[in-house]
Amino acid sequence: MFEMFRWFLNWCLKPLPIQSLNLSLQDGYEVKMIFIILMMLILIISAVYDIRNKTVSLPILIIAGTISLICGICQLFFNTTIYSEIYSLLPGAFFLALSYLTKEQIGYGDGLMILFIGPVFGLINVLIGLCAAFVISALFSIALLIFKKAGKKTSLPFLPFLTAGMGAVCVLCSI
């Protein structure tokens, strides 16, 4: 079964220029990097959309969910267990529950995006990225309050901070 899946991935990637980079499917690292790059692009696009419209685009969420699902399935063929994939969904599930309990003070779109980045980045990297996002958000909020550009009740889009946090994880944690 694994050999058939490996053959199928090689066949699909054959016409792409990625094949010239000697893409080996031995450990799945190169395939995971493709998913991380795709998810970072999705995060950047959704952050810009969130800044402009104060909402998360449904088509972007569908694309992110599809990438997450495919990545999760691919990782099961390489080096992860079903348990680690389920654990990686916990931060997103927590934020979705928090969205419900706080009557959308944190939006469902933010929770869904955190849910979708879980299988791509992994539990530990998502938790580090969320901590970084909260720190960046807090510093930005303090600056807005000091310069009197916003009040205490001003709402800010979270996806730009999540994108910055996950970008920091990609750069600093060398995933």
Protein backbone atom coordinates (compact mmCIF):
# COMPACT_ATOMS: atom_id res chain seq x y z
CA MET A 1 0.00 0.00 0.00
CA PHE A 2 2.78 2.41 0.96
CA GLU A 3 4.71 1.69 -2.24
CA MET A 4 1.58 2.34 -4.31
CA PHE A 5 1.01 5.67 -2.53
CA ARG A 6 4.68 6.58 -3.01
CA TRP A 7 4.47 5.72 -6.71
CA PHE A 8 1.30 7.85 -7.03
CA LEU A 9 2.97 10.87 -5.38
CA ASN A 10 6.02 10.53 -7.63
CA TRP A 11 3.76 10.24 -10.68
CA CYS A 12 1.79 13.36 -9.64
CA LEU A 13 4.93 15.38 -8.96
CA LYS A 14 6.75 14.25 -12.11
CA PRO A 15 5.61 17.12 -14.38
CA LEU A 16 6.37 19.71 -11.67
CA PRO A 17 9.75 21.44 -11.39
CA ILE A 18 9.88 20.09 -7.83
CA GLN A 19 11.04 16.77 -9.30
CA SER A 20 14.26 18.42 -10.46
CA LEU A 21 15.03 19.20 -6.81
CA ASN A 22 15.47 15.47 -6.11
CA LEU A 23 12.34 15.23 -3.99
CA SER A 24 12.75 12.08 -1.97
CA LEU A 25 9.80 10.61 -0.20
CA GLN A 26 11.93 8.57 2.19
CA ASP A 27 11.11 10.40 5.41
CA GLY A 28 8.43 12.77 4.18
CA TYR A 29 10.37 15.86 5.27
CA GLU A 30 10.33 17.46 1.82
CA VAL A 31 6.61 16.79 1.44
CA LYS A 32 5.92 18.32 4.86
CA MET A 33 7.90 21.43 3.87
CA ILE A 34 5.65 21.85 0.83
CA PHE A 35 2.61 21.77 3.11
CA ILE A 36 4.20 24.25 5.53
CA ILE A 37 4.95 26.67 2.69
CA LEU A 38 1.40 26.32 1.35
CA MET A 39 -0.10 26.89 4.79
CA MET A 40 2.10 29.95 5.39
CA LEU A 41 0.87 31.38 2.07
CA ILE A 42 -2.72 30.70 3.13
CA LEU A 43 -2.03 32.40 6.49
CA ILE A 44 -0.58 35.47 4.78
CA ILE A 45 -3.54 35.75 2.40
CA SER A 46 -6.05 35.27 5.22
CA ALA A 47 -4.22 37.80 7.42
CA VAL A 48 -4.47 40.47 4.72
CA TYR A 49 -8.15 39.58 4.19
CA ASP A 50 -8.76 39.71 7.96
CA ILE A 51 -7.16 43.17 8.24
CA ARG A 52 -9.24 44.56 5.39
CA ASN A 53 -12.60 42.94 6.14
CA LYS A 54 -12.44 42.00 9.86
CA THR A 55 -13.55 38.49 8.89
CA VAL A 56 -12.06 35.25 7.58
CA SER A 57 -12.89 34.18 4.04
CA LEU A 58 -14.80 30.90 3.74
CA PRO A 59 -13.03 29.81 0.51
CA ILE A 60 -9.67 30.37 2.20
CA LEU A 61 -10.81 28.27 5.16
CA ILE A 62 -11.92 25.50 2.81
CA ILE A 63 -8.53 25.53 1.06
CA ALA A 64 -6.71 25.53 4.42
CA GLY A 65 -8.86 22.63 5.63
CA THR A 66 -8.16 20.66 2.47
CA ILE A 67 -4.40 21.25 2.77
CA SER A 68 -4.56 20.23 6.43
CA LEU A 69 -6.47 17.04 5.67
CA ILE A 70 -4.12 16.00 2.87
CA CYS A 71 -1.08 16.80 5.03
CA GLY A 72 -2.47 14.76 7.92
CA ILE A 73 -3.08 11.77 5.67
CA CYS A 74 0.38 12.04 4.10
CA GLN A 75 2.06 12.23 7.50
CA LEU A 76 0.35 9.02 8.58
CA PHE A 77 2.24 7.27 5.77
CA PHE A 78 5.60 8.60 6.91
CA ASN A 79 6.46 9.16 10.53
CA THR A 80 3.54 10.15 12.73
CA THR A 81 0.83 8.31 14.56
CA ILE A 82 -2.89 8.95 14.54
CA TYR A 83 -2.55 10.14 18.14
CA SER A 84 -0.11 12.92 17.28
CA GLU A 85 -2.45 14.05 14.50
CA ILE A 86 -5.38 14.14 16.92
CA TYR A 87 -3.30 15.98 19.55
CA SER A 88 -2.36 18.60 16.96
CA LEU A 89 -6.05 19.46 16.63
CA LEU A 90 -6.45 20.27 20.34
CA PRO A 91 -5.46 23.98 20.25
CA GLY A 92 -7.96 24.62 17.45
CA ALA A 93 -10.69 22.70 19.25
CA PHE A 94 -9.95 24.70 22.40
CA PHE A 95 -10.25 28.00 20.49
CA LEU A 96 -13.50 26.88 18.85
CA ALA A 97 -14.92 26.09 22.30
CA LEU A 98 -13.62 29.44 23.54
CA SER A 99 -15.34 31.16 20.61
CA TYR A 100 -18.61 29.56 21.60
CA LEU A 101 -18.23 30.34 25.31
CA THR A 102 -17.24 33.98 24.78
CA LYS A 103 -19.97 34.58 22.18
CA GLU A 104 -17.39 35.09 19.43
CA GLN A 105 -15.00 37.47 21.18
CA ILE A 106 -12.50 35.22 19.44
CA GLY A 107 -14.03 34.41 16.07
CA TYR A 108 -14.86 30.97 14.75
CA GLY A 109 -12.66 31.67 11.73
CA ASP A 110 -9.64 32.13 13.98
CA GLY A 111 -10.44 28.87 15.77
CA LEU A 112 -10.86 27.02 12.49
CA MET A 113 -7.57 28.36 11.14
CA ILE A 114 -5.78 27.24 14.32
CA LEU A 115 -7.47 23.86 13.94
CA PHE A 116 -6.26 23.59 10.33
CA ILE A 117 -2.65 24.58 11.01
CA GLY A 118 -2.37 21.85 13.67
CA PRO A 119 -1.69 18.83 11.43
CA VAL A 120 0.67 20.85 9.23
CA PHE A 121 2.86 22.35 11.99
CA GLY A 122 2.31 19.92 14.86
CA LEU A 123 1.10 20.48 18.41
CA ILE A 124 4.28 21.95 19.93
CA ASN A 125 4.91 24.35 17.05
CA VAL A 126 1.29 25.56 17.12
CA LEU A 127 1.49 26.17 20.87
CA ILE A 128 4.75 28.11 20.44
CA GLY A 129 3.22 30.06 17.54
CA LEU A 130 0.12 30.89 19.59
CA CYS A 131 2.27 32.13 22.49
CA ALA A 132 4.26 34.28 20.07
CA ALA A 133 1.01 35.56 18.52
CA PHE A 134 -0.35 36.56 21.93
CA VAL A 135 2.88 38.33 22.87
CA ILE A 136 2.96 40.23 19.55
CA SER A 137 -0.74 41.06 19.93
CA ALA A 138 -0.22 42.33 23.47
CA LEU A 139 2.73 44.52 22.46
CA PHE A 140 0.76 45.93 19.53
CA SER A 141 -2.27 46.59 21.76
CA ILE A 142 -0.11 48.35 24.36
CA ALA A 143 1.39 50.54 21.65
CA LEU A 144 -2.10 51.42 20.37
CA LEU A 145 -3.25 52.31 23.88
CA ILE A 146 -0.15 54.41 24.62
CA PHE A 147 -0.51 56.40 21.41
CA LYS A 148 -4.30 56.65 21.92
CA LYS A 149 -5.09 55.07 18.57
CA ALA A 150 -7.51 52.59 20.13
CA GLY A 151 -9.61 52.15 23.25
CA LYS A 152 -9.96 49.29 25.70
CA LYS A 153 -12.91 47.81 23.80
CA THR A 154 -11.30 47.98 20.35
CA SER A 155 -11.22 44.61 18.62
CA LEU A 156 -8.24 43.57 16.54
CA PRO A 157 -8.02 40.87 13.87
CA PHE A 158 -6.08 37.89 15.25
CA LEU A 159 -4.90 36.20 12.05
CA PRO A 160 -2.13 38.74 11.35
CA PHE A 161 -0.67 38.00 14.77
CA LEU A 162 -1.10 34.26 14.25
CA THR A 163 0.70 34.57 10.90
CA ALA A 164 3.54 36.49 12.54
CA GLY A 165 3.74 33.92 15.34
CA MET A 166 3.82 30.96 12.96
CA GLY A 167 6.35 32.79 10.78
CA ALA A 168 8.54 33.23 13.85
CA VAL A 169 8.19 29.51 14.57
CA CYS A 170 9.24 28.68 11.00
CA VAL A 171 12.31 30.91 11.21
CA LEU A 172 13.42 30.41 14.80
CA CYS A 173 12.48 26.79 15.43
CA SER A 174 13.81 25.58 12.07
CA ILE A 175 10.89 23.30 11.28
